[in-house]
Amino acid sequence: MSAEEFELNCTVRTDLGKGASRRLRRLNNDIPAVLYGGGKDSVSLTIAHKDIIKATGNEAFFSHIITLNVDKKKEKAVIKALQRHPAKPFILHADFLRVSDKQAITVNVPLHFLNEDKCLGVKLGGGSILKTLNEIEVSCLPKDLPEFIEVDMLELEIGDSIHLSDIALPEGVTSIALSHGEESDHSVATVQAPRAESSEDEAGEEAPEAAAGDDDAADDASGDKED
């Protein structure tokens, strides 16, 4: 758990619609946002773009409880969606979900891979690590929400994989995928063999066929001489 805290100052937005949102971004350098959930009405918000762009520059922002200062009231929330400009480093819209201390939340938490350079399959076998997941979806109470989850690659050899079920989750945290059954126990990372070895293996497999072809050609030539 991280001791870091995230707070964003917001104001309630009454001028709604696409035109209003465009004016908001162009004239005030603010962005529109929405706060919803928790058994309360949705609230349209305005947030300074410089504040949210700074906050989103920290990976922990996306797996952390955020305090929204809405006028004079504080709301606890998590970020659920973020719309970015397709070509410019600009955030267009944000969705926040209210959280309650007593109600479980579902959040995507980033994976931090440890000992990649010391991994047996990499250090001794010359292999490489292929990551198939960089985050996992978990469910937990807000107080148990981890900033990230560690995946130790140290003992993996060539051909070994780590699956969701191999990851030690913090107490009170469960994997959404694993709750759907064993068929959802996806691979997280695999140690691949060096490409050179793979090429040699393929060449070795093709060699006997080529040799057989040469023998057949030799037999045909011999038959021609006998004739």
Protein backbone atom coordinates (compact mmCIF):
# COMPACT_ATOMS: atom_id res chain seq x y z
CA MET A 1 0.00 0.00 0.00
CA SER A 2 1.21 3.49 -0.80
CA ALA A 3 1.03 6.41 1.57
CA GLU A 4 0.66 8.74 -1.41
CA GLU A 5 -2.57 10.67 -1.66
CA PHE A 6 -4.29 12.17 -4.67
CA GLU A 7 -6.60 15.17 -4.47
CA LEU A 8 -8.26 17.08 -7.28
CA ASN A 9 -10.13 20.36 -6.94
CA CYS A 10 -13.40 20.32 -8.87
CA THR A 11 -16.37 22.57 -9.45
CA VAL A 12 -19.92 21.54 -10.32
CA ARG A 13 -20.66 22.11 -14.00
CA THR A 14 -24.12 23.34 -15.04
CA ASP A 15 -23.36 24.32 -18.63
CA LEU A 16 -23.73 20.90 -20.30
CA GLY A 17 -23.51 19.53 -23.84
CA LYS A 18 -20.78 19.02 -26.45
CA GLY A 19 -20.55 22.71 -27.30
CA ALA A 20 -20.15 23.62 -23.64
CA SER A 21 -17.42 20.99 -23.20
CA ARG A 22 -15.51 22.35 -26.20
CA ARG A 23 -15.74 25.90 -24.83
CA LEU A 24 -14.58 24.64 -21.45
CA ARG A 25 -11.43 23.12 -22.93
CA ARG A 26 -10.70 25.96 -25.34
CA LEU A 27 -11.38 29.00 -23.17
CA ASN A 28 -10.52 27.87 -19.64
CA ASN A 29 -8.09 24.98 -20.23
CA ASP A 30 -10.38 22.85 -18.06
CA ILE A 31 -11.91 19.46 -18.80
CA PRO A 32 -15.39 18.06 -18.17
CA ALA A 33 -15.78 15.09 -15.83
CA VAL A 34 -18.54 13.02 -14.25
CA LEU A 35 -18.83 11.58 -10.74
CA TYR A 36 -21.35 8.75 -10.37
CA GLY A 37 -22.30 5.68 -8.32
CA GLY A 38 -22.56 5.12 -4.59
CA GLY A 39 -26.35 5.30 -4.65
CA LYS A 40 -26.25 9.03 -5.42
CA ASP A 41 -27.06 11.14 -8.45
CA SER A 42 -24.38 11.74 -11.05
CA VAL A 43 -22.65 15.11 -10.89
CA SER A 44 -21.05 16.91 -13.83
CA LEU A 45 -17.71 18.43 -12.88
CA THR A 46 -15.01 20.74 -14.15
CA ILE A 47 -11.32 20.01 -13.43
CA ALA A 48 -8.26 22.06 -14.37
CA HIS A 49 -6.41 20.23 -17.14
CA LYS A 50 -3.00 20.97 -15.61
CA ASP A 51 -4.10 19.25 -12.38
CA ILE A 52 -5.38 16.03 -13.93
CA ILE A 53 -2.54 15.76 -16.46
CA LYS A 54 -0.08 15.97 -13.56
CA ALA A 55 -2.00 13.35 -11.54
CA THR A 56 -2.28 10.91 -14.45
CA GLY A 57 1.46 11.08 -14.96
CA ASN A 58 1.75 8.89 -11.86
CA GLU A 59 0.86 5.23 -12.45
CA ALA A 60 -0.56 4.97 -8.91
CA PHE A 61 -3.35 7.41 -9.79
CA PHE A 62 -5.17 4.67 -11.69
CA SER A 63 -5.22 2.22 -8.76
CA HIS A 64 -5.68 4.59 -5.88
CA ILE A 65 -8.50 6.17 -3.93
CA ILE A 66 -8.79 9.77 -5.08
CA THR A 67 -10.24 12.65 -3.08
CA LEU A 68 -12.34 14.99 -5.17
CA ASN A 69 -12.85 18.38 -3.57
CA VAL A 70 -16.22 19.29 -5.04
CA ASP A 71 -16.80 22.85 -3.96
CA LYS A 72 -16.66 22.48 -0.16
CA LYS A 73 -17.41 18.73 -0.05
CA LYS A 74 -14.93 15.84 -0.26
CA GLU A 75 -15.83 12.76 -2.31
CA LYS A 76 -13.82 9.51 -2.36
CA ALA A 77 -13.61 7.97 -5.82
CA VAL A 78 -11.59 5.91 -8.29
CA ILE A 79 -10.95 6.75 -11.92
CA LYS A 80 -13.04 4.51 -14.22
CA ALA A 81 -12.49 6.02 -17.65
CA LEU A 82 -10.23 8.58 -19.24
CA GLN A 83 -10.69 9.95 -22.76
CA ARG A 84 -7.52 11.27 -24.39
CA HIS A 85 -7.01 13.24 -27.57
CA PRO A 86 -5.96 10.80 -30.34
CA ALA A 87 -3.00 12.91 -31.49
CA LYS A 88 -2.17 15.43 -28.77
CA PRO A 89 -1.11 15.05 -25.11
CA PHE A 90 -4.47 16.27 -23.93
CA ILE A 91 -7.18 14.72 -21.74
CA LEU A 92 -10.71 15.30 -22.99
CA HIS A 93 -12.94 13.76 -20.30
CA ALA A 94 -12.79 11.76 -17.07
CA ASP A 95 -15.25 9.45 -15.29
CA PHE A 96 -15.01 8.88 -11.54
CA LEU A 97 -16.83 6.26 -9.46
CA ARG A 98 -17.73 7.01 -5.85
CA VAL A 99 -16.44 4.48 -3.32
CA SER A 100 -17.70 3.42 0.08
CA ASP A 101 -15.47 2.06 2.84
CA LYS A 102 -17.81 -0.92 3.21
CA GLN A 103 -18.39 -1.78 -0.44
CA ALA A 104 -15.97 -3.73 -2.66
CA ILE A 105 -14.71 -2.03 -5.80
CA THR A 106 -13.35 -3.41 -9.08
CA VAL A 107 -10.12 -1.82 -10.29
CA ASN A 108 -7.35 -2.61 -12.80
CA VAL A 109 -4.07 -2.79 -10.89
CA PRO A 110 -0.68 -2.64 -12.68
CA LEU A 111 1.79 -5.53 -12.47
CA HIS A 112 5.40 -4.85 -11.48
CA PHE A 113 7.77 -7.54 -12.75
CA LEU A 114 10.74 -8.24 -10.47
CA ASN A 115 14.15 -9.80 -11.21
CA GLU A 116 13.74 -9.78 -14.99
CA ASP A 117 17.50 -9.48 -15.53
CA LYS A 118 18.22 -12.15 -12.90
CA CYS A 119 15.64 -14.62 -14.24
CA LEU A 120 17.27 -18.06 -14.69
CA GLY A 121 15.95 -18.47 -18.21
CA VAL A 122 17.31 -15.06 -19.18
CA LYS A 123 20.62 -14.99 -17.30
CA LEU A 124 21.65 -18.61 -17.84
CA GLY A 125 19.57 -19.67 -20.83
CA GLY A 126 19.78 -16.49 -22.88
CA GLY A 127 16.01 -16.36 -23.19
CA SER A 128 13.66 -13.37 -23.17
CA ILE A 129 10.52 -12.54 -21.22
CA LEU A 130 7.24 -12.18 -23.09
CA LYS A 131 4.60 -10.34 -21.04
CA THR A 132 1.00 -11.00 -21.97
CA LEU A 133 -0.58 -8.90 -19.19
CA ASN A 134 0.56 -5.60 -17.68
CA GLU A 135 -2.36 -5.21 -15.28
CA ILE A 136 -5.05 -7.37 -13.73
CA GLU A 137 -8.59 -6.66 -12.65
CA VAL A 138 -9.17 -7.16 -8.94
CA SER A 139 -11.95 -6.76 -6.41
CA CYS A 140 -11.41 -5.51 -2.85
CA LEU A 141 -12.51 -3.01 -0.24
CA PRO A 142 -11.06 0.47 -0.76
CA LYS A 143 -8.78 0.08 2.26
CA ASP A 144 -7.18 -3.04 0.72
CA LEU A 145 -6.59 -1.60 -2.76
CA PRO A 146 -2.92 -2.18 -3.73
CA GLU A 147 -1.03 0.39 -5.76
CA PHE A 148 0.55 -2.45 -7.76
CA ILE A 149 1.05 -6.23 -7.61
CA GLU A 150 4.48 -7.83 -7.82
CA VAL A 151 5.38 -10.74 -10.11
CA ASP A 152 8.75 -12.37 -9.33
CA MET A 153 10.47 -13.79 -12.42
CA LEU A 154 13.64 -15.01 -10.64
CA GLU A 155 13.12 -18.81 -10.69
CA LEU A 156 11.61 -19.16 -14.16
CA GLU A 157 13.56 -21.19 -16.72
CA ILE A 158 13.21 -21.45 -20.51
CA GLY A 159 9.64 -22.43 -21.38
CA ASP A 160 8.23 -21.61 -17.94
CA SER A 161 5.17 -19.39 -17.54
CA ILE A 162 3.50 -17.52 -14.71
CA HIS A 163 -0.29 -17.63 -14.63
CA LEU A 164 -2.78 -15.55 -12.66
CA SER A 165 -3.12 -18.36 -10.12
CA ASP A 166 0.65 -18.19 -9.44
CA ILE A 167 0.51 -14.56 -8.29
CA ALA A 168 0.32 -13.95 -4.54
CA LEU A 169 -2.41 -11.34 -4.08
CA PRO A 170 -2.51 -9.16 -0.96
CA GLU A 171 -4.97 -10.12 1.76
CA GLY A 172 -8.50 -9.09 0.94
CA VAL A 173 -7.80 -8.85 -2.82
CA THR A 174 -9.28 -11.31 -5.34
CA SER A 175 -8.80 -11.74 -9.09
CA ILE A 176 -11.91 -11.12 -11.18
CA ALA A 177 -10.70 -13.47 -13.93
CA LEU A 178 -10.03 -16.36 -11.52
CA SER A 179 -13.50 -15.95 -10.03
CA HIS A 180 -14.83 -17.07 -13.43
CA GLY A 181 -13.12 -20.48 -13.24
CA GLU A 182 -9.91 -22.29 -14.20
CA GLU A 183 -10.43 -21.57 -17.90
CA SER A 184 -9.74 -17.91 -17.10
CA ASP A 185 -6.36 -18.62 -15.49
CA HIS A 186 -4.50 -16.65 -18.15
CA SER A 187 -0.75 -16.56 -18.67
CA VAL A 188 0.91 -13.39 -17.38
CA ALA A 189 4.48 -13.90 -18.64
CA THR A 190 6.55 -16.58 -20.37
CA VAL A 191 10.31 -17.10 -20.71
CA GLN A 192 11.01 -17.73 -24.39
CA ALA A 193 13.99 -19.61 -25.82
CA PRO A 194 16.62 -17.61 -27.73
CA ARG A 195 15.71 -17.12 -31.39
CA ALA A 196 18.95 -18.72 -32.56
CA GLU A 197 18.06 -21.97 -30.81
CA SER A 198 14.59 -21.92 -32.32
CA SER A 199 16.07 -21.48 -35.81
CA GLU A 200 18.53 -24.34 -35.28
CA ASP A 201 15.73 -26.61 -34.10
CA GLU A 202 13.68 -25.84 -37.18
CA ALA A 203 16.66 -26.47 -39.42
CA GLY A 204 17.32 -29.76 -37.64
CA GLU A 205 13.75 -30.86 -38.19
CA GLU A 206 13.96 -30.10 -41.90
CA ALA A 207 17.35 -31.84 -42.39
CA PRO A 208 16.14 -35.48 -42.39
CA GLU A 209 13.59 -34.69 -45.09
CA ALA A 210 16.26 -33.03 -47.19
CA ALA A 211 18.56 -36.02 -46.65
CA ALA A 212 15.80 -38.39 -47.68
CA GLY A 213 15.27 -36.36 -50.84
CA ASP A 214 18.97 -36.58 -51.64
CA ASP A 215 18.89 -40.36 -51.18
CA ASP A 216 15.93 -40.63 -53.53
CA ALA A 217 17.76 -38.54 -56.10
CA ALA A 218 20.84 -40.76 -55.75
CA ASP A 219 18.71 -43.89 -56.23
CA ASP A 220 17.16 -42.40 -59.36
CA ALA A 221 20.59 -41.58 -60.75
CA SER A 222 21.82 -45.08 -59.99
CA GLY A 223 18.78 -46.57 -61.70
CA ASP A 224 19.44 -44.46 -64.77
CA LYS A 225 23.01 -45.79 -64.98
CA GLU A 226 21.85 -49.42 -64.67
CA ASP A 227 19.34 -48.87 -67.45
